[in-house]
Amino acid sequence: FLMALGLPLPKQVFGHPWLLQGDGKMSKSKGNVIYADELVKLFGVDAVRYFVLHEMPFDNDGVISWELMVERLNSDLANTLGNLVNRTISMTNKYFGGTVTNKGVAETEEDKAVDADLKAITEDTPKRVEAKMDELRVADAISEVFTLFKRCNKYIDETMPWALAKDETKQDRLATVLYNLVESISYGAALLEPFMPSTSRKILEQLNAKPRTIEEMEQFGLYESGTKVTDQPQILFARMDIKEVLEKVEAMKAEKEAANAPKDPVIDIEPKENVSYDDFAKLQFQVGEILSCEAVPKLSLIHISEPT
């Protein structure tokens, strides 16, 4: 097709590994197939994209199951990412009416150290992601983005904004901490765009941040000071209970089996007018005696005697 259109041919083609169900390949005969539309119906498109990309490493087969899907959703998407975005926006609204201001305040050496470490990891993450993608290591690339989100969560634990909020003299430091968080999350959200486009857009919209290219991520601090975040943070991913998910899976299977079940033939039992004797005489009836029955795969053979 490319040659017919006069377009250049690819210089390399990436063939990804298998995605296994449990410890073996999916098979209709085994009844262990997980369909993409069922996954999307339960978890959403971006959650499925994340799982498949993250769980399929470069040189090994990946494994998928309903249990693993729920585990990743709860730990990575709901906790690491969703909770980070939600509480950052909530604290910004609670302490500063939603306005993000870069005061550039680091009062102690410890403050300077934690800020510097967060900024260094934030600025280095785009380079790491780009390097992994150049090697076609998609799973490693998306893991680098979530390493940044995990560092942001650690930064919250280190700076304790709730404690700074109780001290009137620490307001500028608190504003700086929240700015650093918003800026770092903006980096991560922009890097997520190729993997989870809908989630990336939702985060940037809630932060009122502009999308960035890799080239625009070379300098920390481009998020415009004085920008206001949304006053109603949206839950990106809700935690799910595996028991409830499995119950829904069974319900979907039952619904699909019912839809695919063979339908009984429709028998017309409307009364008919009597036929004439001449028409009835044209019918031929034969009676046979069943001598034996024998079961064979997908077929039953019945031996019948000569008609009498």
Protein backbone atom coordinates (compact mmCIF):
# COMPACT_ATOMS: atom_id res chain seq x y z
CA PHE A 1 0.00 0.00 0.00
CA LEU A 2 2.78 2.43 0.90
CA MET A 3 4.64 1.72 -2.32
CA ALA A 4 1.45 2.13 -4.37
CA LEU A 5 0.88 5.51 -2.73
CA GLY A 6 4.46 6.56 -3.33
CA LEU A 7 5.13 6.86 0.40
CA PRO A 8 8.42 5.92 2.10
CA LEU A 9 8.68 2.47 3.64
CA PRO A 10 9.38 2.11 7.38
CA LYS A 11 13.00 1.55 8.31
CA GLN A 12 12.05 -0.65 11.28
CA VAL A 13 8.89 -2.44 12.41
CA PHE A 14 8.14 -3.22 16.05
CA GLY A 15 6.55 -6.61 16.66
CA HIS A 16 5.26 -6.71 20.22
CA PRO A 17 5.14 -9.88 22.40
CA TRP A 18 2.08 -11.97 23.27
CA LEU A 19 -0.50 -10.92 25.82
CA LEU A 20 -1.28 -14.05 27.80
CA GLN A 21 -4.23 -14.94 30.00
CA GLY A 22 -2.82 -16.41 33.19
CA ASP A 23 0.00 -18.75 32.16
CA GLY A 24 -1.11 -19.54 28.63
CA LYS A 25 -2.36 -18.13 25.36
CA MET A 26 -5.96 -17.06 25.02
CA SER A 27 -8.15 -19.60 23.27
CA LYS A 28 -11.85 -19.75 22.50
CA SER A 29 -11.80 -23.49 23.11
CA LYS A 30 -10.40 -22.88 26.60
CA GLY A 31 -12.93 -20.15 27.22
CA ASN A 32 -10.26 -17.81 28.64
CA VAL A 33 -10.47 -14.98 26.10
CA ILE A 34 -10.72 -11.43 27.47
CA TYR A 35 -12.18 -9.11 24.86
CA ALA A 36 -11.15 -5.48 24.52
CA ASP A 37 -14.72 -4.20 24.41
CA GLU A 38 -15.47 -5.92 27.73
CA LEU A 39 -12.38 -4.36 29.33
CA VAL A 40 -13.33 -0.91 28.04
CA LYS A 41 -16.90 -1.32 29.26
CA LEU A 42 -15.68 -1.97 32.81
CA PHE A 43 -12.56 0.20 33.08
CA GLY A 44 -12.58 2.79 30.29
CA VAL A 45 -10.33 3.17 27.25
CA ASP A 46 -7.38 4.91 28.92
CA ALA A 47 -7.17 2.40 31.77
CA VAL A 48 -7.04 -0.43 29.24
CA ARG A 49 -4.42 1.39 27.17
CA TYR A 50 -2.29 1.89 30.29
CA PHE A 51 -2.54 -1.74 31.37
CA VAL A 52 -1.72 -3.25 27.98
CA LEU A 53 1.20 -0.87 27.36
CA HIS A 54 2.58 -1.19 30.88
CA GLU A 55 2.21 -4.97 31.24
CA MET A 56 3.73 -5.89 27.86
CA PRO A 57 7.51 -5.44 28.19
CA PHE A 58 9.84 -5.16 25.22
CA ASP A 59 11.22 -8.69 25.15
CA ASN A 60 8.80 -10.76 27.24
CA ASP A 61 5.17 -11.78 27.02
CA GLY A 62 2.70 -9.86 29.15
CA VAL A 63 -0.03 -11.32 31.35
CA ILE A 64 -3.57 -10.04 31.67
CA SER A 65 -6.36 -11.05 34.04
CA TRP A 66 -9.30 -9.35 35.67
CA GLU A 67 -7.49 -9.44 39.01
CA LEU A 68 -4.33 -7.81 37.62
CA MET A 69 -6.39 -5.18 35.83
CA VAL A 70 -8.14 -4.15 39.05
CA GLU A 71 -4.85 -4.16 40.95
CA ARG A 72 -3.20 -1.80 38.45
CA LEU A 73 -6.25 0.43 38.30
CA ASN A 74 -6.34 0.84 42.07
CA SER A 75 -2.61 1.16 42.75
CA ASP A 76 -1.25 3.07 39.74
CA LEU A 77 -4.18 4.97 38.27
CA ALA A 78 -6.46 5.67 41.25
CA ASN A 79 -3.79 6.05 43.98
CA THR A 80 -0.53 7.19 42.37
CA LEU A 81 -2.02 9.42 39.66
CA GLY A 82 -5.65 10.18 40.48
CA ASN A 83 -5.11 10.89 44.16
CA LEU A 84 -2.06 13.05 43.40
CA VAL A 85 -3.95 15.31 40.99
CA ASN A 86 -7.04 15.48 43.19
CA ARG A 87 -5.32 16.46 46.42
CA THR A 88 -2.98 18.93 44.73
CA ILE A 89 -5.95 20.77 43.23
CA SER A 90 -7.95 20.48 46.46
CA MET A 91 -5.11 21.95 48.55
CA THR A 92 -4.64 24.79 46.06
CA ASN A 93 -8.33 25.64 46.33
CA LYS A 94 -8.39 25.27 50.10
CA TYR A 95 -5.33 27.38 50.88
CA PHE A 96 -5.20 29.91 48.01
CA GLY A 97 -8.64 29.97 46.42
CA GLY A 98 -7.34 27.94 43.47
CA THR A 99 -4.59 30.37 42.43
CA VAL A 100 -1.14 28.88 41.81
CA THR A 101 1.68 31.33 42.55
CA ASN A 102 5.41 30.77 42.28
CA LYS A 103 6.95 32.56 45.25
CA GLY A 104 10.31 30.80 44.82
CA VAL A 105 10.72 30.39 48.58
CA ALA A 106 12.93 27.69 50.09
CA GLU A 107 13.73 28.77 53.64
CA THR A 108 16.00 25.95 54.79
CA GLU A 109 18.67 23.77 53.26
CA GLU A 110 16.27 20.87 53.50
CA ASP A 111 13.68 22.86 51.53
CA LYS A 112 16.26 23.62 48.86
CA ALA A 113 17.31 19.97 48.66
CA VAL A 114 13.80 18.53 48.22
CA ASP A 115 12.87 21.22 45.69
CA ALA A 116 16.05 20.65 43.70
CA ASP A 117 15.52 16.90 43.64
CA LEU A 118 11.92 17.23 42.41
CA LYS A 119 12.94 19.71 39.71
CA ALA A 120 15.84 17.51 38.57
CA ILE A 121 13.63 14.43 38.23
CA THR A 122 10.92 16.45 36.48
CA GLU A 123 13.35 17.91 33.94
CA ASP A 124 15.05 14.55 33.40
CA THR A 125 11.86 12.53 32.86
CA PRO A 126 11.18 13.76 29.28
CA LYS A 127 14.71 12.76 28.29
CA ARG A 128 14.25 9.33 29.83
CA VAL A 129 10.90 8.82 28.12
CA GLU A 130 12.30 9.88 24.75
CA ALA A 131 15.28 7.55 25.14
CA LYS A 132 13.05 4.58 25.96
CA MET A 133 10.76 5.30 23.02
CA ASP A 134 13.76 5.50 20.69
CA GLU A 135 14.54 1.93 21.80
CA LEU A 136 10.87 0.92 21.30
CA ARG A 137 10.61 0.17 25.02
CA VAL A 138 7.08 1.49 25.43
CA ALA A 139 6.43 -0.16 28.80
CA ASP A 140 9.61 1.37 30.23
CA ALA A 141 8.69 4.78 28.83
CA ILE A 142 5.31 4.88 30.55
CA SER A 143 6.94 3.61 33.77
CA GLU A 144 9.26 6.66 33.70
CA VAL A 145 6.21 8.95 33.67
CA PHE A 146 4.73 7.20 36.69
CA THR A 147 8.07 7.39 38.47
CA LEU A 148 7.66 11.17 38.25
CA PHE A 149 4.14 10.95 39.71
CA LYS A 150 5.45 8.81 42.56
CA ARG A 151 8.16 11.41 43.23
CA CYS A 152 5.45 14.09 43.41
CA ASN A 153 3.58 12.06 46.03
CA LYS A 154 6.80 11.70 48.01
CA TYR A 155 7.35 15.46 47.73
CA ILE A 156 3.97 16.03 49.39
CA ASP A 157 4.98 13.75 52.26
CA GLU A 158 8.32 15.58 52.61
CA THR A 159 6.93 19.14 52.54
CA MET A 160 3.64 18.47 54.41
CA PRO A 161 1.54 21.35 52.99
CA TRP A 162 -1.13 20.82 55.68
CA ALA A 163 1.46 21.64 58.34
CA LEU A 164 2.72 24.72 56.46
CA ALA A 165 -0.87 25.97 56.17
CA LYS A 166 -1.16 26.20 59.95
CA ASP A 167 1.72 28.73 60.14
CA GLU A 168 1.03 32.23 58.81
CA THR A 169 4.74 32.82 58.28
CA LYS A 170 4.95 29.79 55.94
CA GLN A 171 2.41 30.92 53.35
CA ASP A 172 4.99 31.78 50.69
CA ARG A 173 6.69 28.45 51.21
CA LEU A 174 3.32 26.70 50.92
CA ALA A 175 2.58 28.54 47.68
CA THR A 176 5.97 27.46 46.31
CA VAL A 177 5.36 23.83 47.20
CA LEU A 178 2.00 23.79 45.44
CA TYR A 179 3.47 25.53 42.40
CA ASN A 180 6.24 22.93 42.17
CA LEU A 181 3.64 20.18 42.33
CA VAL A 182 1.41 21.69 39.65
CA GLU A 183 4.39 22.26 37.36
CA SER A 184 5.68 18.70 37.80
CA ILE A 185 2.23 17.18 37.26
CA SER A 186 1.88 19.28 34.09
CA TYR A 187 5.09 17.69 32.79
CA GLY A 188 3.79 14.21 33.52
CA ALA A 189 0.37 14.91 32.00
CA ALA A 190 1.94 16.18 28.77
CA LEU A 191 4.16 13.08 28.58
CA LEU A 192 1.09 10.84 29.05
CA GLU A 193 -0.61 12.19 25.92
CA PRO A 194 0.60 9.47 23.49
CA PHE A 195 -0.31 6.71 25.94
CA MET A 196 -3.47 8.01 27.63
CA PRO A 197 -4.76 10.95 25.57
CA SER A 198 -8.07 11.43 27.37
CA THR A 199 -6.47 11.36 30.83
CA SER A 200 -3.71 13.73 29.73
CA ARG A 201 -6.28 16.22 28.47
CA LYS A 202 -8.39 15.99 31.64
CA ILE A 203 -5.39 16.69 33.89
CA LEU A 204 -4.16 19.65 31.85
CA GLU A 205 -7.67 21.13 31.70
CA GLN A 206 -8.08 20.84 35.48
CA LEU A 207 -4.70 22.51 36.04
CA ASN A 208 -5.45 25.07 33.31
CA ALA A 209 -2.06 24.14 31.86
CA LYS A 210 -1.00 24.27 28.24
CA PRO A 211 0.09 21.11 26.40
CA ARG A 212 3.87 20.96 25.88
CA THR A 213 6.18 19.27 23.46
CA ILE A 214 9.36 17.49 24.51
CA GLU A 215 11.32 20.56 23.41
CA GLU A 216 9.23 22.76 25.74
CA MET A 217 10.14 20.65 28.77
CA GLU A 218 13.77 21.62 29.04
CA GLN A 219 13.17 24.27 31.68
CA PHE A 220 11.24 23.88 34.93
CA GLY A 221 8.89 26.75 35.77
CA LEU A 222 7.02 27.48 32.53
CA TYR A 223 3.61 27.10 34.20
CA GLU A 224 2.37 30.67 34.40
CA SER A 225 2.33 32.02 37.96
CA GLY A 226 -1.10 33.35 38.96
CA THR A 227 -3.01 30.72 36.96
CA LYS A 228 -6.14 29.37 38.60
CA VAL A 229 -6.93 25.65 38.70
CA THR A 230 -10.43 24.22 38.48
CA ASP A 231 -12.55 24.60 41.60
CA GLN A 232 -14.17 21.19 41.03
CA PRO A 233 -11.47 18.50 40.67
CA GLN A 234 -12.65 15.52 38.65
CA ILE A 235 -12.00 11.99 39.82
CA LEU A 236 -9.81 10.48 37.11
CA PHE A 237 -10.04 6.85 38.20
CA ALA A 238 -12.28 5.40 40.89
CA ARG A 239 -11.11 2.42 42.92
CA MET A 240 -12.84 -0.84 42.10
CA ASP A 241 -13.63 -3.98 44.08
CA ILE A 242 -12.50 -7.22 42.43
CA LYS A 243 -15.54 -9.12 43.70
CA GLU A 244 -17.92 -6.65 42.06
CA VAL A 245 -15.89 -6.69 38.85
CA LEU A 246 -15.98 -10.49 38.61
CA GLU A 247 -19.74 -10.43 39.19
CA LYS A 248 -20.12 -7.99 36.28
CA VAL A 249 -17.87 -10.20 34.14
CA GLU A 250 -20.07 -13.22 34.80
CA ALA A 251 -23.16 -11.16 33.98
CA MET A 252 -21.62 -10.08 30.66
CA LYS A 253 -20.72 -13.68 29.81
CA ALA A 254 -24.25 -14.85 30.56
CA GLU A 255 -25.69 -12.05 28.44
CA LYS A 256 -23.38 -12.92 25.54
CA GLU A 257 -24.17 -16.64 25.77
CA ALA A 258 -27.87 -15.90 25.78
CA ALA A 259 -27.50 -13.67 22.72
CA ASN A 260 -25.51 -16.35 20.86
CA ALA A 261 -27.71 -19.29 21.88
CA PRO A 262 -29.52 -21.01 18.98
CA LYS A 263 -33.10 -19.90 18.69
CA ASP A 264 -35.91 -22.47 18.63
CA PRO A 265 -37.58 -22.65 15.22
CA VAL A 266 -40.82 -20.79 14.96
CA ILE A 267 -43.65 -23.23 14.40
CA ASP A 268 -46.73 -21.91 12.74
CA ILE A 269 -49.65 -23.41 14.63
CA GLU A 270 -52.33 -21.42 12.96
CA PRO A 271 -55.21 -23.73 12.03
CA LYS A 272 -55.37 -24.65 8.36
CA GLU A 273 -58.32 -25.45 6.18
CA ASN A 274 -59.04 -29.14 5.66
CA VAL A 275 -57.28 -30.65 2.67
CA SER A 276 -58.98 -32.83 0.17
CA TYR A 277 -58.68 -36.63 0.27
CA ASP A 278 -56.77 -36.62 -3.02
CA ASP A 279 -54.11 -34.26 -1.57
CA PHE A 280 -53.87 -36.33 1.61
CA ALA A 281 -53.42 -39.50 -0.44
CA LYS A 282 -50.27 -38.04 -1.97
CA LEU A 283 -48.45 -38.24 1.42
CA GLN A 284 -46.08 -41.16 2.12
CA PHE A 285 -45.42 -42.44 5.66
CA GLN A 286 -42.56 -44.75 6.66
CA VAL A 287 -41.84 -46.35 10.04
CA GLY A 288 -38.45 -47.60 11.19
CA GLU A 289 -37.08 -49.38 14.24
CA ILE A 290 -33.96 -47.98 15.99
CA LEU A 291 -31.50 -50.84 16.40
CA SER A 292 -28.59 -49.01 18.13
CA CYS A 293 -27.19 -45.56 18.97
CA GLU A 294 -23.50 -44.67 19.09
CA ALA A 295 -21.95 -41.37 20.28
CA VAL A 296 -19.19 -39.88 18.13
CA PRO A 297 -17.53 -36.43 18.38
CA LYS A 298 -20.04 -33.69 17.57
CA LEU A 299 -22.36 -36.27 15.88
CA SER A 300 -24.69 -39.12 16.83
CA LEU A 301 -25.16 -42.02 14.42
CA ILE A 302 -28.49 -43.84 14.47
CA HIS A 303 -28.84 -47.17 12.69
CA ILE A 304 -32.34 -47.74 11.38
CA SER A 305 -33.79 -50.94 9.95
CA GLU A 306 -35.35 -51.19 6.55
CA PRO A 307 -38.60 -49.26 6.40
CA THR A 308 -41.78 -51.28 6.78
